[in-house]
Amino acid sequence: YSVSVSMRSGAPMSGMPEVTLINAVIGQLARRYNVPWRTTASQSSAKTFDAQSGYESAIAYMSGASACSNLMMHAGGWDEAGLVCCMAKFIADAEQNLLIEKYARGISFEYFEDALEAVRR
């Protein structure tokens, strides 16, 4: 669990850009030493389910996916650094997670020859 901390209050600030950088470094180290690693996914420091909450969740999940984490935990519904679980945000995060999972899988060329054959006909 990687998180920045507010220097004023000591509260966890999970939606900060430093968390994205930490995920990138941990991902590089895990690949270098060939060990699995997990990260938290859709966390946000927002107090309510709003645009900030969605943006921070998307960035957090994308950073873990881009850093090739083996397991993404807490991937839905978390706001205010895990103090609040919002069911509406859970549904929105589930949709977002599907999109990022598809992005992380990459482009498949499994049926490429079949597609070319269909174009040639």
PDB file of N, CA and C in Angstrom:
ATOM      1  N   TYR A   1       0.849  -1.174   0.000  1.00  0.00           N
ATOM      2  CA  TYR A   1       0.000   0.000   0.000  1.00  0.00           C
ATOM      3  C   TYR A   1       0.888   1.229   0.000  1.00  0.00           C
ATOM      4  N   SER A   2       0.901   1.951  -1.098  1.00  0.00           N
ATOM      5  CA  SER A   2       1.710   3.166  -1.222  1.00  0.00           C
ATOM      6  C   SER A   2       0.804   4.377  -1.106  1.00  0.00           C
ATOM      7  N   VAL A   3       1.220   5.335  -0.323  1.00  0.00           N
ATOM      8  CA  VAL A   3       0.398   6.521  -0.146  1.00  0.00           C
ATOM      9  C   VAL A   3       1.273   7.695   0.266  1.00  0.00           C
ATOM     10  N   SER A   4       0.896   8.876  -0.186  1.00  0.00           N
ATOM     11  CA  SER A   4       1.527  10.096   0.302  1.00  0.00           C
ATOM     12  C   SER A   4       0.818  10.512   1.583  1.00  0.00           C
ATOM     13  N   VAL A   5       1.471  11.320   2.372  1.00  0.00           N
ATOM     14  CA  VAL A   5       0.891  11.754   3.641  1.00  0.00           C
ATOM     15  C   VAL A   5       0.866  13.274   3.684  1.00  0.00           C
ATOM     16  N   SER A   6      -0.247  13.830   4.136  1.00  0.00           N
ATOM     17  CA  SER A   6      -0.361  15.271   4.308  1.00  0.00           C
ATOM     18  C   SER A   6       0.579  15.719   5.421  1.00  0.00           C
ATOM     19  N   MET A   7       1.441  16.674   5.129  1.00  0.00           N
ATOM     20  CA  MET A   7       2.378  17.169   6.136  1.00  0.00           C
ATOM     21  C   MET A   7       1.666  17.994   7.202  1.00  0.00           C
ATOM     22  N   ARG A   8       0.476  18.487   6.885  1.00  0.00           N
ATOM     23  CA  ARG A   8      -0.282  19.293   7.844  1.00  0.00           C
ATOM     24  C   ARG A   8      -1.011  18.422   8.865  1.00  0.00           C
ATOM     25  N   SER A   9      -1.699  17.387   8.375  1.00  0.00           N
ATOM     26  CA  SER A   9      -2.543  16.604   9.283  1.00  0.00           C
ATOM     27  C   SER A   9      -2.060  15.170   9.496  1.00  0.00           C
ATOM     28  N   GLY A  10      -1.193  14.687   8.635  1.00  0.00           N
ATOM     29  CA  GLY A  10      -0.763  13.296   8.725  1.00  0.00           C
ATOM     30  C   GLY A  10      -1.729  12.323   8.075  1.00  0.00           C
ATOM     31  N   ALA A  11      -2.771  12.852   7.438  1.00  0.00           N
ATOM     32  CA  ALA A  11      -3.771  12.007   6.790  1.00  0.00           C
ATOM     33  C   ALA A  11      -3.214  11.434   5.485  1.00  0.00           C
ATOM     34  N   PRO A  12      -3.598  10.209   5.137  1.00  0.00           N
ATOM     35  CA  PRO A  12      -3.150   9.641   3.865  1.00  0.00           C
ATOM     36  C   PRO A  12      -3.778  10.383   2.690  1.00  0.00           C
ATOM     37  N   MET A  13      -2.986  10.648   1.676  1.00  0.00           N
ATOM     38  CA  MET A  13      -3.441  11.350   0.473  1.00  0.00           C
ATOM     39  C   MET A  13      -3.193  10.430  -0.720  1.00  0.00           C
ATOM     40  N   SER A  14      -4.130   9.548  -0.988  1.00  0.00           N
ATOM     41  CA  SER A  14      -3.900   8.510  -1.991  1.00  0.00           C
ATOM     42  C   SER A  14      -4.025   8.994  -3.423  1.00  0.00           C
ATOM     43  N   GLY A  15      -4.568  10.151  -3.672  1.00  0.00           N
ATOM     44  CA  GLY A  15      -4.748  10.615  -5.038  1.00  0.00           C
ATOM     45  C   GLY A  15      -3.623  11.491  -5.554  1.00  0.00           C
ATOM     46  N   MET A  16      -2.484  11.458  -4.923  1.00  0.00           N
ATOM     47  CA  MET A  16      -1.384  12.350  -5.279  1.00  0.00           C
ATOM     48  C   MET A  16      -0.519  11.742  -6.390  1.00  0.00           C
ATOM     49  N   PRO A  17       0.149  12.578  -7.180  1.00  0.00           N
ATOM     50  CA  PRO A  17       0.988  12.051  -8.263  1.00  0.00           C
ATOM     51  C   PRO A  17       2.198  11.263  -7.769  1.00  0.00           C
ATOM     52  N   GLU A  18       2.621  11.495  -6.539  1.00  0.00           N
ATOM     53  CA  GLU A  18       3.763  10.756  -6.008  1.00  0.00           C
ATOM     54  C   GLU A  18       3.476   9.261  -5.937  1.00  0.00           C
ATOM     55  N   VAL A  19       2.223   8.906  -5.684  1.00  0.00           N
ATOM     56  CA  VAL A  19       1.846   7.491  -5.615  1.00  0.00           C
ATOM     57  C   VAL A  19       2.054   6.829  -6.973  1.00  0.00           C
ATOM     58  N   THR A  20       1.757   7.552  -8.045  1.00  0.00           N
ATOM     59  CA  THR A  20       1.978   7.039  -9.393  1.00  0.00           C
ATOM     60  C   THR A  20       3.457   6.774  -9.630  1.00  0.00           C
ATOM     61  N   LEU A  21       4.300   7.689  -9.200  1.00  0.00           N
ATOM     62  CA  LEU A  21       5.744   7.505  -9.359  1.00  0.00           C
ATOM     63  C   LEU A  21       6.249   6.338  -8.512  1.00  0.00           C
ATOM     64  N   ILE A  22       5.723   6.198  -7.309  1.00  0.00           N
ATOM     65  CA  ILE A  22       6.111   5.075  -6.451  1.00  0.00           C
ATOM     66  C   ILE A  22       5.735   3.756  -7.118  1.00  0.00           C
ATOM     67  N   ASN A  23       4.542   3.677  -7.699  1.00  0.00           N
ATOM     68  CA  ASN A  23       4.131   2.462  -8.401  1.00  0.00           C
ATOM     69  C   ASN A  23       5.068   2.143  -9.554  1.00  0.00           C
ATOM     70  N   ALA A  24       5.484   3.155 -10.296  1.00  0.00           N
ATOM     71  CA  ALA A  24       6.398   2.929 -11.416  1.00  0.00           C
ATOM     72  C   ALA A  24       7.729   2.361 -10.931  1.00  0.00           C
ATOM     73  N   VAL A  25       8.267   2.918  -9.857  1.00  0.00           N
ATOM     74  CA  VAL A  25       9.548   2.442  -9.318  1.00  0.00           C
ATOM     75  C   VAL A  25       9.416   1.018  -8.782  1.00  0.00           C
ATOM     76  N   ILE A  26       8.352   0.747  -8.028  1.00  0.00           N
ATOM     77  CA  ILE A  26       8.163  -0.597  -7.481  1.00  0.00           C
ATOM     78  C   ILE A  26       7.991  -1.612  -8.609  1.00  0.00           C
ATOM     79  N   GLY A  27       7.257  -1.231  -9.653  1.00  0.00           N
ATOM     80  CA  GLY A  27       7.088  -2.120 -10.799  1.00  0.00           C
ATOM     81  C   GLY A  27       8.408  -2.439 -11.478  1.00  0.00           C
ATOM     82  N   GLN A  28       9.264  -1.435 -11.634  1.00  0.00           N
ATOM     83  CA  GLN A  28      10.574  -1.669 -12.244  1.00  0.00           C
ATOM     84  C   GLN A  28      11.429  -2.584 -11.378  1.00  0.00           C
ATOM     85  N   LEU A  29      11.416  -2.362 -10.069  1.00  0.00           N
ATOM     86  CA  LEU A  29      12.194  -3.214  -9.166  1.00  0.00           C
ATOM     87  C   LEU A  29      11.670  -4.653  -9.170  1.00  0.00           C
ATOM     88  N   ALA A  30      10.353  -4.807  -9.187  1.00  0.00           N
ATOM     89  CA  ALA A  30       9.765  -6.153  -9.202  1.00  0.00           C
ATOM     90  C   ALA A  30      10.147  -6.900 -10.473  1.00  0.00           C
ATOM     91  N   ARG A  31      10.124  -6.221 -11.614  1.00  0.00           N
ATOM     92  CA  ARG A  31      10.539  -6.869 -12.856  1.00  0.00           C
ATOM     93  C   ARG A  31      12.032  -7.190 -12.840  1.00  0.00           C
ATOM     94  N   ARG A  32      12.829  -6.293 -12.291  1.00  0.00           N
ATOM     95  CA  ARG A  32      14.288  -6.494 -12.228  1.00  0.00           C
ATOM     96  C   ARG A  32      14.641  -7.719 -11.405  1.00  0.00           C
ATOM     97  N   TYR A  33      13.973  -7.891 -10.258  1.00  0.00           N
ATOM     98  CA  TYR A  33      14.273  -9.010  -9.368  1.00  0.00           C
ATOM     99  C   TYR A  33      13.327 -10.192  -9.560  1.00  0.00           C
ATOM    100  N   ASN A  34      12.470 -10.103 -10.577  1.00  0.00           N
ATOM    101  CA  ASN A  34      11.564 -11.187 -10.950  1.00  0.00           C
ATOM    102  C   ASN A  34      10.705 -11.668  -9.769  1.00  0.00           C
ATOM    103  N   VAL A  35      10.077 -10.710  -9.102  1.00  0.00           N
ATOM    104  CA  VAL A  35       9.171 -11.037  -7.999  1.00  0.00           C
ATOM    105  C   VAL A  35       7.792 -10.446  -8.296  1.00  0.00           C
ATOM    106  N   PRO A  36       6.728 -11.107  -7.868  1.00  0.00           N
ATOM    107  CA  PRO A  36       5.391 -10.531  -8.054  1.00  0.00           C
ATOM    108  C   PRO A  36       5.173  -9.377  -7.081  1.00  0.00           C
ATOM    109  N   TRP A  37       4.272  -8.484  -7.456  1.00  0.00           N
ATOM    110  CA  TRP A  37       3.932  -7.390  -6.541  1.00  0.00           C
ATOM    111  C   TRP A  37       2.483  -6.990  -6.741  1.00  0.00           C
ATOM    112  N   ARG A  38       1.920  -6.419  -5.699  1.00  0.00           N
ATOM    113  CA  ARG A  38       0.539  -5.963  -5.747  1.00  0.00           C
ATOM    114  C   ARG A  38       0.497  -4.487  -5.389  1.00  0.00           C
ATOM    115  N   THR A  39      -0.564  -3.855  -5.807  1.00  0.00           N
ATOM    116  CA  THR A  39      -0.761  -2.450  -5.485  1.00  0.00           C
ATOM    117  C   THR A  39      -2.242  -2.192  -5.256  1.00  0.00           C
ATOM    118  N   THR A  40      -2.531  -1.059  -4.688  1.00  0.00           N
ATOM    119  CA  THR A  40      -3.926  -0.649  -4.559  1.00  0.00           C
ATOM    120  C   THR A  40      -4.314   0.059  -5.846  1.00  0.00           C
ATOM    121  N   ALA A  41      -5.561  -0.046  -6.210  1.00  0.00           N
ATOM    122  CA  ALA A  41      -5.943   0.418  -7.534  1.00  0.00           C
ATOM    123  C   ALA A  41      -6.715   1.727  -7.517  1.00  0.00           C
ATOM    124  N   SER A  42      -7.985   1.686  -7.258  1.00  0.00           N
ATOM    125  CA  SER A  42      -8.853   2.841  -7.500  1.00  0.00           C
ATOM    126  C   SER A  42      -9.099   3.670  -6.259  1.00  0.00           C
ATOM    127  N   GLN A  43      -8.061   4.082  -5.593  1.00  0.00           N
ATOM    128  CA  GLN A  43      -8.242   4.901  -4.402  1.00  0.00           C
ATOM    129  C   GLN A  43      -8.266   6.375  -4.752  1.00  0.00           C
ATOM    130  N   SER A  44      -8.902   7.136  -3.904  1.00  0.00           N
ATOM    131  CA  SER A  44      -9.027   8.571  -4.120  1.00  0.00           C
ATOM    132  C   SER A  44      -9.023   9.282  -2.774  1.00  0.00           C
ATOM    133  N   SER A  45      -8.540  10.506  -2.771  1.00  0.00           N
ATOM    134  CA  SER A  45      -8.588  11.331  -1.559  1.00  0.00           C
ATOM    135  C   SER A  45      -9.813  12.235  -1.541  1.00  0.00           C
ATOM    136  N   ALA A  46     -10.662  12.123  -2.560  1.00  0.00           N
ATOM    137  CA  ALA A  46     -11.856  12.960  -2.629  1.00  0.00           C
ATOM    138  C   ALA A  46     -12.816  12.614  -1.493  1.00  0.00           C
ATOM    139  N   LYS A  47     -13.527  13.610  -1.032  1.00  0.00           N
ATOM    140  CA  LYS A  47     -14.485  13.404   0.061  1.00  0.00           C
ATOM    141  C   LYS A  47     -15.808  12.838  -0.428  1.00  0.00           C
ATOM    142  N   THR A  48     -16.148  13.090  -1.689  1.00  0.00           N
ATOM    143  CA  THR A  48     -17.400  12.602  -2.264  1.00  0.00           C
ATOM    144  C   THR A  48     -17.128  12.017  -3.643  1.00  0.00           C
ATOM    145  N   PHE A  49     -18.118  11.315  -4.165  1.00  0.00           N
ATOM    146  CA  PHE A  49     -18.014  10.751  -5.505  1.00  0.00           C
ATOM    147  C   PHE A  49     -18.275  11.862  -6.513  1.00  0.00           C
ATOM    148  N   ASP A  50     -17.203  12.409  -7.069  1.00  0.00           N
ATOM    149  CA  ASP A  50     -17.304  13.503  -8.026  1.00  0.00           C
ATOM    150  C   ASP A  50     -16.214  13.331  -9.081  1.00  0.00           C
ATOM    151  N   ALA A  51     -15.991  14.369  -9.878  1.00  0.00           N
ATOM    152  CA  ALA A  51     -14.993  14.292 -10.947  1.00  0.00           C
ATOM    153  C   ALA A  51     -13.595  14.047 -10.390  1.00  0.00           C
ATOM    154  N   GLN A  52     -13.260  14.687  -9.276  1.00  0.00           N
ATOM    155  CA  GLN A  52     -11.944  14.472  -8.665  1.00  0.00           C
ATOM    156  C   GLN A  52     -11.767  13.001  -8.289  1.00  0.00           C
ATOM    157  N   SER A  53     -12.800  12.430  -7.720  1.00  0.00           N
ATOM    158  CA  SER A  53     -12.761  11.028  -7.318  1.00  0.00           C
ATOM    159  C   SER A  53     -12.516  10.117  -8.521  1.00  0.00           C
ATOM    160  N   GLY A  54     -13.221  10.364  -9.604  1.00  0.00           N
ATOM    161  CA  GLY A  54     -13.051   9.559 -10.811  1.00  0.00           C
ATOM    162  C   GLY A  54     -11.681   9.716 -11.433  1.00  0.00           C
ATOM    163  N   TYR A  55     -11.201  10.950 -11.476  1.00  0.00           N
ATOM    164  CA  TYR A  55      -9.880  11.218 -12.056  1.00  0.00           C
ATOM    165  C   TYR A  55      -8.784  10.531 -11.252  1.00  0.00           C
ATOM    166  N   GLU A  56      -8.820  10.688  -9.933  1.00  0.00           N
ATOM    167  CA  GLU A  56      -7.785  10.096  -9.087  1.00  0.00           C
ATOM    168  C   GLU A  56      -7.819   8.571  -9.158  1.00  0.00           C
ATOM    169  N   SER A  57      -9.008   7.999  -9.207  1.00  0.00           N
ATOM    170  CA  SER A  57      -9.122   6.545  -9.320  1.00  0.00           C
ATOM    171  C   SER A  57      -8.558   6.046 -10.640  1.00  0.00           C
ATOM    172  N   ALA A  58      -8.874   6.747 -11.722  1.00  0.00           N
ATOM    173  CA  ALA A  58      -8.371   6.340 -13.036  1.00  0.00           C
ATOM    174  C   ALA A  58      -6.851   6.409 -13.091  1.00  0.00           C
ATOM    175  N   ILE A  59      -6.277   7.470 -12.561  1.00  0.00           N
ATOM    176  CA  ILE A  59      -4.823   7.612 -12.561  1.00  0.00           C
ATOM    177  C   ILE A  59      -4.184   6.526 -11.698  1.00  0.00           C
ATOM    178  N   ALA A  60      -4.768   6.251 -10.535  1.00  0.00           N
ATOM    179  CA  ALA A  60      -4.209   5.231  -9.640  1.00  0.00           C
ATOM    180  C   ALA A  60      -4.251   3.851 -10.288  1.00  0.00           C
ATOM    181  N   TYR A  61      -5.374   3.511 -10.895  1.00  0.00           N
ATOM    182  CA  TYR A  61      -5.490   2.195 -11.528  1.00  0.00           C
ATOM    183  C   TYR A  61      -4.571   2.104 -12.737  1.00  0.00           C
ATOM    184  N   MET A  62      -4.517   3.168 -13.528  1.00  0.00           N
ATOM    185  CA  MET A  62      -3.684   3.161 -14.729  1.00  0.00           C
ATOM    186  C   MET A  62      -2.204   3.040 -14.374  1.00  0.00           C
ATOM    187  N   SER A  63      -1.787   3.673 -13.277  1.00  0.00           N
ATOM    188  CA  SER A  63      -0.371   3.590 -12.904  1.00  0.00           C
ATOM    189  C   SER A  63       0.001   2.166 -12.510  1.00  0.00           C
ATOM    190  N   GLY A  64      -0.871   1.478 -11.807  1.00  0.00           N
ATOM    191  CA  GLY A  64      -0.600   0.087 -11.458  1.00  0.00           C
ATOM    192  C   GLY A  64      -0.598  -0.822 -12.672  1.00  0.00           C
ATOM    193  N   ALA A  65      -1.533  -0.587 -13.591  1.00  0.00           N
ATOM    194  CA  ALA A  65      -1.590  -1.395 -14.811  1.00  0.00           C
ATOM    195  C   ALA A  65      -0.372  -1.135 -15.692  1.00  0.00           C
ATOM    196  N   SER A  66       0.036   0.111 -15.810  1.00  0.00           N
ATOM    197  CA  SER A  66       1.200   0.451 -16.631  1.00  0.00           C
ATOM    198  C   SER A  66       2.493  -0.087 -16.031  1.00  0.00           C
ATOM    199  N   ALA A  67       2.530  -0.207 -14.709  1.00  0.00           N
ATOM    200  CA  ALA A  67       3.724  -0.729 -14.035  1.00  0.00           C
ATOM    201  C   ALA A  67       3.698  -2.254 -13.951  1.00  0.00           C
ATOM    202  N   CYS A  68       2.703  -2.887 -14.575  1.00  0.00           N
ATOM    203  CA  CYS A  68       2.595  -4.351 -14.670  1.00  0.00           C
ATOM    204  C   CYS A  68       2.479  -5.037 -13.315  1.00  0.00           C
ATOM    205  N   SER A  69       1.612  -4.520 -12.461  1.00  0.00           N
ATOM    206  CA  SER A  69       1.412  -5.188 -11.169  1.00  0.00           C
ATOM    207  C   SER A  69       0.708  -6.522 -11.394  1.00  0.00           C
ATOM    208  N   ASN A  70       0.981  -7.471 -10.524  1.00  0.00           N
ATOM    209  CA  ASN A  70       0.379  -8.792 -10.644  1.00  0.00           C
ATOM    210  C   ASN A  70      -1.006  -8.859 -10.018  1.00  0.00           C
ATOM    211  N   LEU A  71      -1.278  -7.989  -9.052  1.00  0.00           N
ATOM    212  CA  LEU A  71      -2.566  -7.984  -8.366  1.00  0.00           C
ATOM    213  C   LEU A  71      -2.924  -6.556  -7.993  1.00  0.00           C
ATOM    214  N   MET A  72      -4.150  -6.169  -8.310  1.00  0.00           N
ATOM    215  CA  MET A  72      -4.634  -4.836  -7.956  1.00  0.00           C
ATOM    216  C   MET A  72      -5.719  -5.015  -6.895  1.00  0.00           C
ATOM    217  N   MET A  73      -5.472  -4.485  -5.707  1.00  0.00           N
ATOM    218  CA  MET A  73      -6.441  -4.606  -4.622  1.00  0.00           C
ATOM    219  C   MET A  73      -7.188  -3.289  -4.435  1.00  0.00           C
ATOM    220  N   HIS A  74      -8.319  -3.367  -3.774  1.00  0.00           N
ATOM    221  CA  HIS A  74      -9.132  -2.184  -3.477  1.00  0.00           C
ATOM    222  C   HIS A  74      -9.447  -1.426  -4.769  1.00  0.00           C
ATOM    223  N   ALA A  75      -9.965  -2.140  -5.748  1.00  0.00           N
ATOM    224  CA  ALA A  75     -10.157  -1.571  -7.076  1.00  0.00           C
ATOM    225  C   ALA A  75     -11.557  -1.029  -7.307  1.00  0.00           C
ATOM    226  N   GLY A  76     -12.256  -0.647  -6.274  1.00  0.00           N
ATOM    227  CA  GLY A  76     -13.569  -0.088  -6.518  1.00  0.00           C
ATOM    228  C   GLY A  76     -14.243   0.483  -5.295  1.00  0.00           C
ATOM    229  N   GLY A  77     -14.769   1.686  -5.454  1.00  0.00           N
ATOM    230  CA  GLY A  77     -15.628   2.276  -4.447  1.00  0.00           C
ATOM    231  C   GLY A  77     -14.963   3.071  -3.345  1.00  0.00           C
ATOM    232  N   TRP A  78     -13.662   3.075  -3.275  1.00  0.00           N
ATOM    233  CA  TRP A  78     -12.987   3.754  -2.161  1.00  0.00           C
ATOM    234  C   TRP A  78     -12.870   5.247  -2.388  1.00  0.00           C
ATOM    235  N   ASP A  79     -13.254   6.013  -1.405  1.00  0.00           N
ATOM    236  CA  ASP A  79     -13.044   7.464  -1.377  1.00  0.00           C
ATOM    237  C   ASP A  79     -12.415   7.833  -0.047  1.00  0.00           C
ATOM    238  N   GLU A  80     -11.901   9.027   0.029  1.00  0.00           N
ATOM    239  CA  GLU A  80     -11.269   9.565   1.234  1.00  0.00           C
ATOM    240  C   GLU A  80     -10.246   8.582   1.807  1.00  0.00           C
ATOM    241  N   ALA A  81      -9.365   8.100   0.917  1.00  0.00           N
ATOM    242  CA  ALA A  81      -8.256   7.200   1.275  1.00  0.00           C
ATOM    243  C   ALA A  81      -8.732   5.954   2.009  1.00  0.00           C
ATOM    244  N   GLY A  82      -9.877   5.431   1.620  1.00  0.00           N
ATOM    245  CA  GLY A  82     -10.372   4.193   2.200  1.00  0.00           C
ATOM    246  C   GLY A  82     -11.305   4.348   3.381  1.00  0.00           C
ATOM    247  N   LEU A  83     -11.610   5.562   3.777  1.00  0.00           N
ATOM    248  CA  LEU A  83     -12.529   5.759   4.898  1.00  0.00           C
ATOM    249  C   LEU A  83     -13.984   5.643   4.477  1.00  0.00           C
ATOM    250  N   VAL A  84     -14.257   5.790   3.189  1.00  0.00           N
ATOM    251  CA  VAL A  84     -15.624   5.760   2.672  1.00  0.00           C
ATOM    252  C   VAL A  84     -15.691   4.769   1.519  1.00  0.00           C
ATOM    253  N   CYS A  85     -16.727   3.950   1.494  1.00  0.00           N
ATOM    254  CA  CYS A  85     -16.977   3.068   0.359  1.00  0.00           C
ATOM    255  C   CYS A  85     -18.326   3.458  -0.238  1.00  0.00           C
ATOM    256  N   CYS A  86     -18.309   3.940  -1.459  1.00  0.00           N
ATOM    257  CA  CYS A  86     -19.509   4.442  -2.135  1.00  0.00           C
ATOM    258  C   CYS A  86     -19.938   3.432  -3.202  1.00  0.00           C
ATOM    259  N   MET A  87     -21.161   2.963  -3.134  1.00  0.00           N
ATOM    260  CA  MET A  87     -21.638   1.966  -4.089  1.00  0.00           C
ATOM    261  C   MET A  87     -21.732   2.520  -5.505  1.00  0.00           C
ATOM    262  N   ALA A  88     -22.109   3.796  -5.656  1.00  0.00           N
ATOM    263  CA  ALA A  88     -22.155   4.399  -6.994  1.00  0.00           C
ATOM    264  C   ALA A  88     -20.750   4.469  -7.589  1.00  0.00           C
ATOM    265  N   LYS A  89     -19.776   4.820  -6.770  1.00  0.00           N
ATOM    266  CA  LYS A  89     -18.392   4.867  -7.242  1.00  0.00           C
ATOM    267  C   LYS A  89     -17.890   3.462  -7.558  1.00  0.00           C
ATOM    268  N   PHE A  90     -18.353   2.475  -6.796  1.00  0.00           N
ATOM    269  CA  PHE A  90     -17.960   1.091  -7.059  1.00  0.00           C
ATOM    270  C   PHE A  90     -18.373   0.679  -8.470  1.00  0.00           C
ATOM    271  N   ILE A  91     -19.584   1.039  -8.862  1.00  0.00           N
ATOM    272  CA  ILE A  91     -20.074   0.691 -10.198  1.00  0.00           C
ATOM    273  C   ILE A  91     -19.277   1.433 -11.267  1.00  0.00           C
ATOM    274  N   ALA A  92     -19.026   2.726 -11.050  1.00  0.00           N
ATOM    275  CA  ALA A  92     -18.234   3.499 -12.013  1.00  0.00           C
ATOM    276  C   ALA A  92     -16.811   2.957 -12.105  1.00  0.00           C
ATOM    277  N   ASP A  93     -16.223   2.595 -10.969  1.00  0.00           N
ATOM    278  CA  ASP A  93     -14.870   2.032 -10.971  1.00  0.00           C
ATOM    279  C   ASP A  93     -14.826   0.687 -11.681  1.00  0.00           C
ATOM    280  N   ALA A  94     -15.873  -0.116 -11.531  1.00  0.00           N
ATOM    281  CA  ALA A  94     -15.915  -1.409 -12.216  1.00  0.00           C
ATOM    282  C   ALA A  94     -15.887  -1.211 -13.727  1.00  0.00           C
ATOM    283  N   GLU A  95     -16.632  -0.235 -14.223  1.00  0.00           N
ATOM    284  CA  GLU A  95     -16.607   0.074 -15.658  1.00  0.00           C
ATOM    285  C   GLU A  95     -15.219   0.539 -16.089  1.00  0.00           C
ATOM    286  N   GLN A  96     -14.641   1.422 -15.287  1.00  0.00           N
ATOM    287  CA  GLN A  96     -13.308   1.947 -15.569  1.00  0.00           C
ATOM    288  C   GLN A  96     -12.270   0.823 -15.562  1.00  0.00           C
ATOM    289  N   ASN A  97     -12.387  -0.091 -14.615  1.00  0.00           N
ATOM    290  CA  ASN A  97     -11.443  -1.196 -14.508  1.00  0.00           C
ATOM    291  C   ASN A  97     -11.485  -2.094 -15.736  1.00  0.00           C
ATOM    292  N   LEU A  98     -12.673  -2.316 -16.285  1.00  0.00           N
ATOM    293  CA  LEU A  98     -12.785  -3.118 -17.501  1.00  0.00           C
ATOM    294  C   LEU A  98     -12.063  -2.453 -18.668  1.00  0.00           C
ATOM    295  N   LEU A  99     -12.198  -1.140 -18.779  1.00  0.00           N
ATOM    296  CA  LEU A  99     -11.519  -0.422 -19.860  1.00  0.00           C
ATOM    297  C   LEU A  99     -10.006  -0.494 -19.713  1.00  0.00           C
ATOM    298  N   ILE A 100      -9.524  -0.314 -18.498  1.00  0.00           N
ATOM    299  CA  ILE A 100      -8.075  -0.337 -18.281  1.00  0.00           C
ATOM    300  C   ILE A 100      -7.532  -1.753 -18.435  1.00  0.00           C
ATOM    301  N   GLU A 101      -8.308  -2.758 -18.039  1.00  0.00           N
ATOM    302  CA  GLU A 101      -7.883  -4.145 -18.246  1.00  0.00           C
ATOM    303  C   GLU A 101      -7.725  -4.437 -19.735  1.00  0.00           C
ATOM    304  N   LYS A 102      -8.665  -3.959 -20.531  1.00  0.00           N
ATOM    305  CA  LYS A 102      -8.573  -4.168 -21.978  1.00  0.00           C
ATOM    306  C   LYS A 102      -7.346  -3.462 -22.545  1.00  0.00           C
ATOM    307  N   TYR A 103      -7.064  -2.260 -22.059  1.00  0.00           N
ATOM    308  CA  TYR A 103      -5.863  -1.530 -22.474  1.00  0.00           C
ATOM    309  C   TYR A 103      -4.601  -2.304 -22.094  1.00  0.00           C
ATOM    310  N   ALA A 104      -4.580  -2.851 -20.885  1.00  0.00           N
ATOM    311  CA  ALA A 104      -3.388  -3.557 -20.398  1.00  0.00           C
ATOM    312  C   ALA A 104      -3.137  -4.850 -21.168  1.00  0.00           C
ATOM    313  N   ARG A 105      -4.190  -5.492 -21.665  1.00  0.00           N
ATOM    314  CA  ARG A 105      -4.019  -6.706 -22.461  1.00  0.00           C
ATOM    315  C   ARG A 105      -3.328  -6.417 -23.783  1.00  0.00           C
ATOM    316  N   GLY A 106      -3.521  -5.227 -24.306  1.00  0.00           N
ATOM    317  CA  GLY A 106      -2.875  -4.860 -25.565  1.00  0.00           C
ATOM    318  C   GLY A 106      -3.675  -5.324 -26.773  1.00  0.00           C
ATOM    319  N   ILE A 107      -3.101  -5.111 -27.934  1.00  0.00           N
ATOM    320  CA  ILE A 107      -3.753  -5.465 -29.191  1.00  0.00           C
ATOM    321  C   ILE A 107      -3.518  -6.938 -29.484  1.00  0.00           C
ATOM    322  N   SER A 108      -4.575  -7.636 -29.844  1.00  0.00           N
ATOM    323  CA  SER A 108      -4.468  -9.052 -30.180  1.00  0.00           C
ATOM    324  C   SER A 108      -4.476  -9.214 -31.697  1.00  0.00           C
ATOM    325  N   PHE A 109      -3.531  -9.986 -32.181  1.00  0.00           N
ATOM    326  CA  PHE A 109      -3.474 -10.298 -33.607  1.00  0.00           C
ATOM    327  C   PHE A 109      -3.848 -11.758 -33.853  1.00  0.00           C
ATOM    328  N   GLU A 110      -4.613 -12.318 -32.928  1.00  0.00           N
ATOM    329  CA  GLU A 110      -4.976 -13.728 -33.003  1.00  0.00           C
ATOM    330  C   GLU A 110      -5.771 -14.046 -34.273  1.00  0.00           C
ATOM    331  N   TYR A 111      -6.671 -13.170 -34.650  1.00  0.00           N
ATOM    332  CA  TYR A 111      -7.513 -13.412 -35.825  1.00  0.00           C
ATOM    333  C   TYR A 111      -7.135 -12.504 -36.989  1.00  0.00           C
ATOM    334  N   PHE A 112      -5.893 -12.050 -37.023  1.00  0.00           N
ATOM    335  CA  PHE A 112      -5.461 -11.105 -38.048  1.00  0.00           C
ATOM    336  C   PHE A 112      -5.538 -11.717 -39.447  1.00  0.00           C
ATOM    337  N   GLU A 113      -5.077 -12.951 -39.589  1.00  0.00           N
ATOM    338  CA  GLU A 113      -5.104 -13.608 -40.905  1.00  0.00           C
ATOM    339  C   GLU A 113      -6.543 -13.808 -41.382  1.00  0.00           C
ATOM    340  N   ASP A 114      -7.445 -14.148 -40.486  1.00  0.00           N
ATOM    341  CA  ASP A 114      -8.857 -14.303 -40.858  1.00  0.00           C
ATOM    342  C   ASP A 114      -9.438 -12.980 -41.339  1.00  0.00           C
ATOM    343  N   ALA A 115      -9.058 -11.893 -40.678  1.00  0.00           N
ATOM    344  CA  ALA A 115      -9.541 -10.572 -41.081  1.00  0.00           C
ATOM    345  C   ALA A 115      -9.006 -10.202 -42.458  1.00  0.00           C
ATOM    346  N   LEU A 116      -7.731 -10.464 -42.711  1.00  0.00           N
ATOM    347  CA  LEU A 116      -7.163 -10.178 -44.034  1.00  0.00           C
ATOM    348  C   LEU A 116      -7.844 -11.003 -45.116  1.00  0.00           C
ATOM    349  N   GLU A 117      -8.129 -12.250 -44.818  1.00  0.00           N
ATOM    350  CA  GLU A 117      -8.810 -13.115 -45.782  1.00  0.00           C
ATOM    351  C   GLU A 117     -10.208 -12.582 -46.095  1.00  0.00           C
ATOM    352  N   ALA A 118     -10.909 -12.082 -45.095  1.00  0.00           N
ATOM    353  CA  ALA A 118     -12.241 -11.514 -45.314  1.00  0.00           C
ATOM    354  C   ALA A 118     -12.165 -10.260 -46.169  1.00  0.00           C
ATOM    355  N   VAL A 119     -11.118  -9.464 -46.019  1.00  0.00           N
ATOM    356  CA  VAL A 119     -10.956  -8.249 -46.826  1.00  0.00           C
ATOM    357  C   VAL A 119     -10.635  -8.614 -48.269  1.00  0.00           C
ATOM    358  N   ARG A 120      -9.847  -9.652 -48.466  1.00  0.00           N
ATOM    359  CA  ARG A 120      -9.462 -10.061 -49.831  1.00  0.00           C
ATOM    360  C   ARG A 120     -10.643 -10.581 -50.637  1.00  0.00           C
ATOM    361  N   ARG A 121     -11.642 -11.133 -49.964  1.00  0.00           N
ATOM    362  CA  ARG A 121     -12.799 -11.695 -50.688  1.00  0.00           C
ATOM    363  C   ARG A 121     -13.604 -10.660 -51.326  1.00  0.00           C
TER     364      ARG A 121
END
